[in-house]
Amino acid sequence: MVMVKWVLISAIACLMMVVCPIQAAEKDLRSQVWAYNGKSYKAIQNPEYIAYDQALRNYLAQRIERRFGIRLDSKRYSGFDLLEIESLFRCKKSSEPYDLFLKSFPKTP
């Protein structure tokens, strides 16, 4: 019984060493996006808007990869396109391919 207890404690410790850095990286990206919460911008050329959009793109691309296993280039889609792509992936049928949804989004070079 004591051996089982130590094995269980060791397994939990190993799991925490793997999960904690992943969650820390996600919180870091999320906090970068939340730093822009409530701000408004006069134009899309505004440097703060560009920084916000890049932070949003990076966060969403990582979240899509983690949840769906699909790696998307954050430079090829806008932040709002990535939000829409994620919502479509959540609603798609299991028999539908992901590429079917990605064809409807323009890729920006």
C-alpha atoms as a PDB file:
ATOM      1  CA  MET A   1       0.000   0.000   0.000  1.00  0.00           C
ATOM      2  CA  VAL A   2       2.862   2.386   0.814  1.00  0.00           C
ATOM      3  CA  MET A   3       4.501   1.584  -2.534  1.00  0.00           C
ATOM      4  CA  VAL A   4       1.275   2.411  -4.415  1.00  0.00           C
ATOM      5  CA  LYS A   5       1.075   5.723  -2.572  1.00  0.00           C
ATOM      6  CA  TRP A   6       4.623   6.696  -3.616  1.00  0.00           C
ATOM      7  CA  VAL A   7       4.049   5.620  -7.203  1.00  0.00           C
ATOM      8  CA  LEU A   8       0.875   7.720  -7.320  1.00  0.00           C
ATOM      9  CA  ILE A   9       2.667  10.745  -5.830  1.00  0.00           C
ATOM     10  CA  SER A  10       5.510  10.352  -8.345  1.00  0.00           C
ATOM     11  CA  ALA A  11       3.068  10.116 -11.249  1.00  0.00           C
ATOM     12  CA  ILE A  12       1.258  13.261 -10.128  1.00  0.00           C
ATOM     13  CA  ALA A  13       4.563  15.118  -9.754  1.00  0.00           C
ATOM     14  CA  CYS A  14       5.621  14.112 -13.293  1.00  0.00           C
ATOM     15  CA  LEU A  15       2.259  15.188 -14.691  1.00  0.00           C
ATOM     16  CA  MET A  16       2.554  18.581 -13.009  1.00  0.00           C
ATOM     17  CA  MET A  17       6.013  19.121 -14.500  1.00  0.00           C
ATOM     18  CA  VAL A  18       4.562  18.561 -17.976  1.00  0.00           C
ATOM     19  CA  VAL A  19       1.250  20.424 -17.615  1.00  0.00           C
ATOM     20  CA  CYS A  20       2.410  23.536 -15.734  1.00  0.00           C
ATOM     21  CA  PRO A  21       4.757  24.891 -18.465  1.00  0.00           C
ATOM     22  CA  ILE A  22       2.043  24.411 -21.098  1.00  0.00           C
ATOM     23  CA  GLN A  23      -0.497  26.302 -19.001  1.00  0.00           C
ATOM     24  CA  ALA A  24       2.043  29.033 -18.231  1.00  0.00           C
ATOM     25  CA  ALA A  25       2.717  29.569 -21.947  1.00  0.00           C
ATOM     26  CA  GLU A  26      -1.021  29.736 -22.656  1.00  0.00           C
ATOM     27  CA  LYS A  27      -1.583  32.238 -19.837  1.00  0.00           C
ATOM     28  CA  ASP A  28       1.274  34.363 -21.173  1.00  0.00           C
ATOM     29  CA  LEU A  29      -0.269  34.525 -24.652  1.00  0.00           C
ATOM     30  CA  ARG A  30      -3.728  35.105 -23.185  1.00  0.00           C
ATOM     31  CA  SER A  31      -2.440  37.967 -21.030  1.00  0.00           C
ATOM     32  CA  GLN A  32      -0.854  39.546 -24.111  1.00  0.00           C
ATOM     33  CA  VAL A  33      -4.272  39.578 -25.796  1.00  0.00           C
ATOM     34  CA  TRP A  34      -6.093  40.777 -22.673  1.00  0.00           C
ATOM     35  CA  ALA A  35      -3.699  43.724 -22.365  1.00  0.00           C
ATOM     36  CA  TYR A  36      -5.615  45.303 -25.258  1.00  0.00           C
ATOM     37  CA  ASN A  37      -9.050  44.690 -23.720  1.00  0.00           C
ATOM     38  CA  GLY A  38     -11.346  47.705 -23.980  1.00  0.00           C
ATOM     39  CA  LYS A  39      -9.125  49.744 -26.270  1.00  0.00           C
ATOM     40  CA  SER A  40     -10.318  51.215 -29.538  1.00  0.00           C
ATOM     41  CA  TYR A  41      -8.290  52.123 -32.583  1.00  0.00           C
ATOM     42  CA  LYS A  42      -8.791  54.768 -35.246  1.00  0.00           C
ATOM     43  CA  ALA A  43      -7.260  52.764 -38.081  1.00  0.00           C
ATOM     44  CA  ILE A  44      -5.816  49.357 -38.807  1.00  0.00           C
ATOM     45  CA  GLN A  45      -2.476  51.045 -39.452  1.00  0.00           C
ATOM     46  CA  ASN A  46      -2.296  52.043 -35.776  1.00  0.00           C
ATOM     47  CA  PRO A  47       0.786  50.363 -34.244  1.00  0.00           C
ATOM     48  CA  GLU A  48      -1.193  49.300 -31.149  1.00  0.00           C
ATOM     49  CA  TYR A  49      -3.836  47.646 -33.333  1.00  0.00           C
ATOM     50  CA  ILE A  50      -1.137  45.819 -35.293  1.00  0.00           C
ATOM     51  CA  ALA A  51       0.399  44.561 -32.026  1.00  0.00           C
ATOM     52  CA  TYR A  52      -3.054  43.485 -30.766  1.00  0.00           C
ATOM     53  CA  ASP A  53      -3.847  41.647 -33.981  1.00  0.00           C
ATOM     54  CA  GLN A  54      -0.517  39.808 -33.912  1.00  0.00           C
ATOM     55  CA  ALA A  55      -1.015  38.769 -30.272  1.00  0.00           C
ATOM     56  CA  LEU A  56      -4.537  37.563 -31.110  1.00  0.00           C
ATOM     57  CA  ARG A  57      -3.294  35.623 -34.138  1.00  0.00           C
ATOM     58  CA  ASN A  58      -0.549  33.876 -32.154  1.00  0.00           C
ATOM     59  CA  TYR A  59      -2.903  32.970 -29.318  1.00  0.00           C
ATOM     60  CA  LEU A  60      -5.622  31.616 -31.587  1.00  0.00           C
ATOM     61  CA  ALA A  61      -3.239  29.664 -33.822  1.00  0.00           C
ATOM     62  CA  GLN A  62      -1.798  27.950 -30.758  1.00  0.00           C
ATOM     63  CA  ARG A  63      -5.260  27.252 -29.325  1.00  0.00           C
ATOM     64  CA  ILE A  64      -6.495  25.758 -32.620  1.00  0.00           C
ATOM     65  CA  GLU A  65      -3.415  23.561 -32.840  1.00  0.00           C
ATOM     66  CA  ARG A  66      -3.875  22.341 -29.282  1.00  0.00           C
ATOM     67  CA  ARG A  67      -7.619  21.658 -29.544  1.00  0.00           C
ATOM     68  CA  PHE A  68      -7.887  20.331 -33.093  1.00  0.00           C
ATOM     69  CA  GLY A  69      -4.356  19.313 -34.049  1.00  0.00           C
ATOM     70  CA  ILE A  70      -4.370  21.632 -37.062  1.00  0.00           C
ATOM     71  CA  ARG A  71      -1.355  23.925 -37.404  1.00  0.00           C
ATOM     72  CA  LEU A  72      -2.257  27.247 -38.995  1.00  0.00           C
ATOM     73  CA  ASP A  73       0.206  29.985 -39.852  1.00  0.00           C
ATOM     74  CA  SER A  74      -0.715  33.036 -37.788  1.00  0.00           C
ATOM     75  CA  LYS A  75       0.688  35.317 -40.507  1.00  0.00           C
ATOM     76  CA  ARG A  76      -1.590  33.979 -43.237  1.00  0.00           C
ATOM     77  CA  TYR A  77      -4.954  34.565 -41.518  1.00  0.00           C
ATOM     78  CA  SER A  78      -6.326  37.608 -39.731  1.00  0.00           C
ATOM     79  CA  GLY A  79      -7.204  37.357 -36.053  1.00  0.00           C
ATOM     80  CA  PHE A  80     -10.895  37.514 -36.855  1.00  0.00           C
ATOM     81  CA  ASP A  81     -10.546  34.802 -39.504  1.00  0.00           C
ATOM     82  CA  LEU A  82      -8.903  32.571 -36.912  1.00  0.00           C
ATOM     83  CA  LEU A  83     -11.788  33.214 -34.510  1.00  0.00           C
ATOM     84  CA  GLU A  84     -14.254  32.203 -37.208  1.00  0.00           C
ATOM     85  CA  ILE A  85     -12.195  29.156 -38.205  1.00  0.00           C
ATOM     86  CA  GLU A  86     -12.127  27.987 -34.599  1.00  0.00           C
ATOM     87  CA  SER A  87     -15.886  28.356 -34.247  1.00  0.00           C
ATOM     88  CA  LEU A  88     -16.467  26.413 -37.471  1.00  0.00           C
ATOM     89  CA  PHE A  89     -14.138  23.627 -36.309  1.00  0.00           C
ATOM     90  CA  ARG A  90     -16.168  23.358 -33.109  1.00  0.00           C
ATOM     91  CA  CYS A  91     -19.414  22.954 -35.067  1.00  0.00           C
ATOM     92  CA  LYS A  92     -18.234  20.665 -37.854  1.00  0.00           C
ATOM     93  CA  LYS A  93     -19.373  17.081 -38.170  1.00  0.00           C
ATOM     94  CA  SER A  94     -16.795  14.429 -37.382  1.00  0.00           C
ATOM     95  CA  SER A  95     -16.962  13.163 -40.973  1.00  0.00           C
ATOM     96  CA  GLU A  96     -16.184  16.572 -42.509  1.00  0.00           C
ATOM     97  CA  PRO A  97     -12.547  17.384 -43.308  1.00  0.00           C
ATOM     98  CA  TYR A  98     -10.960  20.530 -41.893  1.00  0.00           C
ATOM     99  CA  ASP A  99      -9.781  21.598 -45.360  1.00  0.00           C
ATOM    100  CA  LEU A 100     -13.391  22.074 -46.412  1.00  0.00           C
ATOM    101  CA  PHE A 101     -13.679  24.995 -43.987  1.00  0.00           C
ATOM    102  CA  LEU A 102     -10.246  26.458 -44.666  1.00  0.00           C
ATOM    103  CA  LYS A 103     -10.953  26.877 -48.398  1.00  0.00           C
ATOM    104  CA  SER A 104     -13.458  29.657 -47.706  1.00  0.00           C
ATOM    105  CA  PHE A 105     -10.875  31.882 -45.986  1.00  0.00           C
ATOM    106  CA  PRO A 106      -8.494  34.010 -48.021  1.00  0.00           C
ATOM    107  CA  LYS A 107      -4.863  33.608 -47.107  1.00  0.00           C
ATOM    108  CA  THR A 108      -2.878  36.801 -46.860  1.00  0.00           C
ATOM    109  CA  PRO A 109       0.775  36.466 -47.769  1.00  0.00           C
END
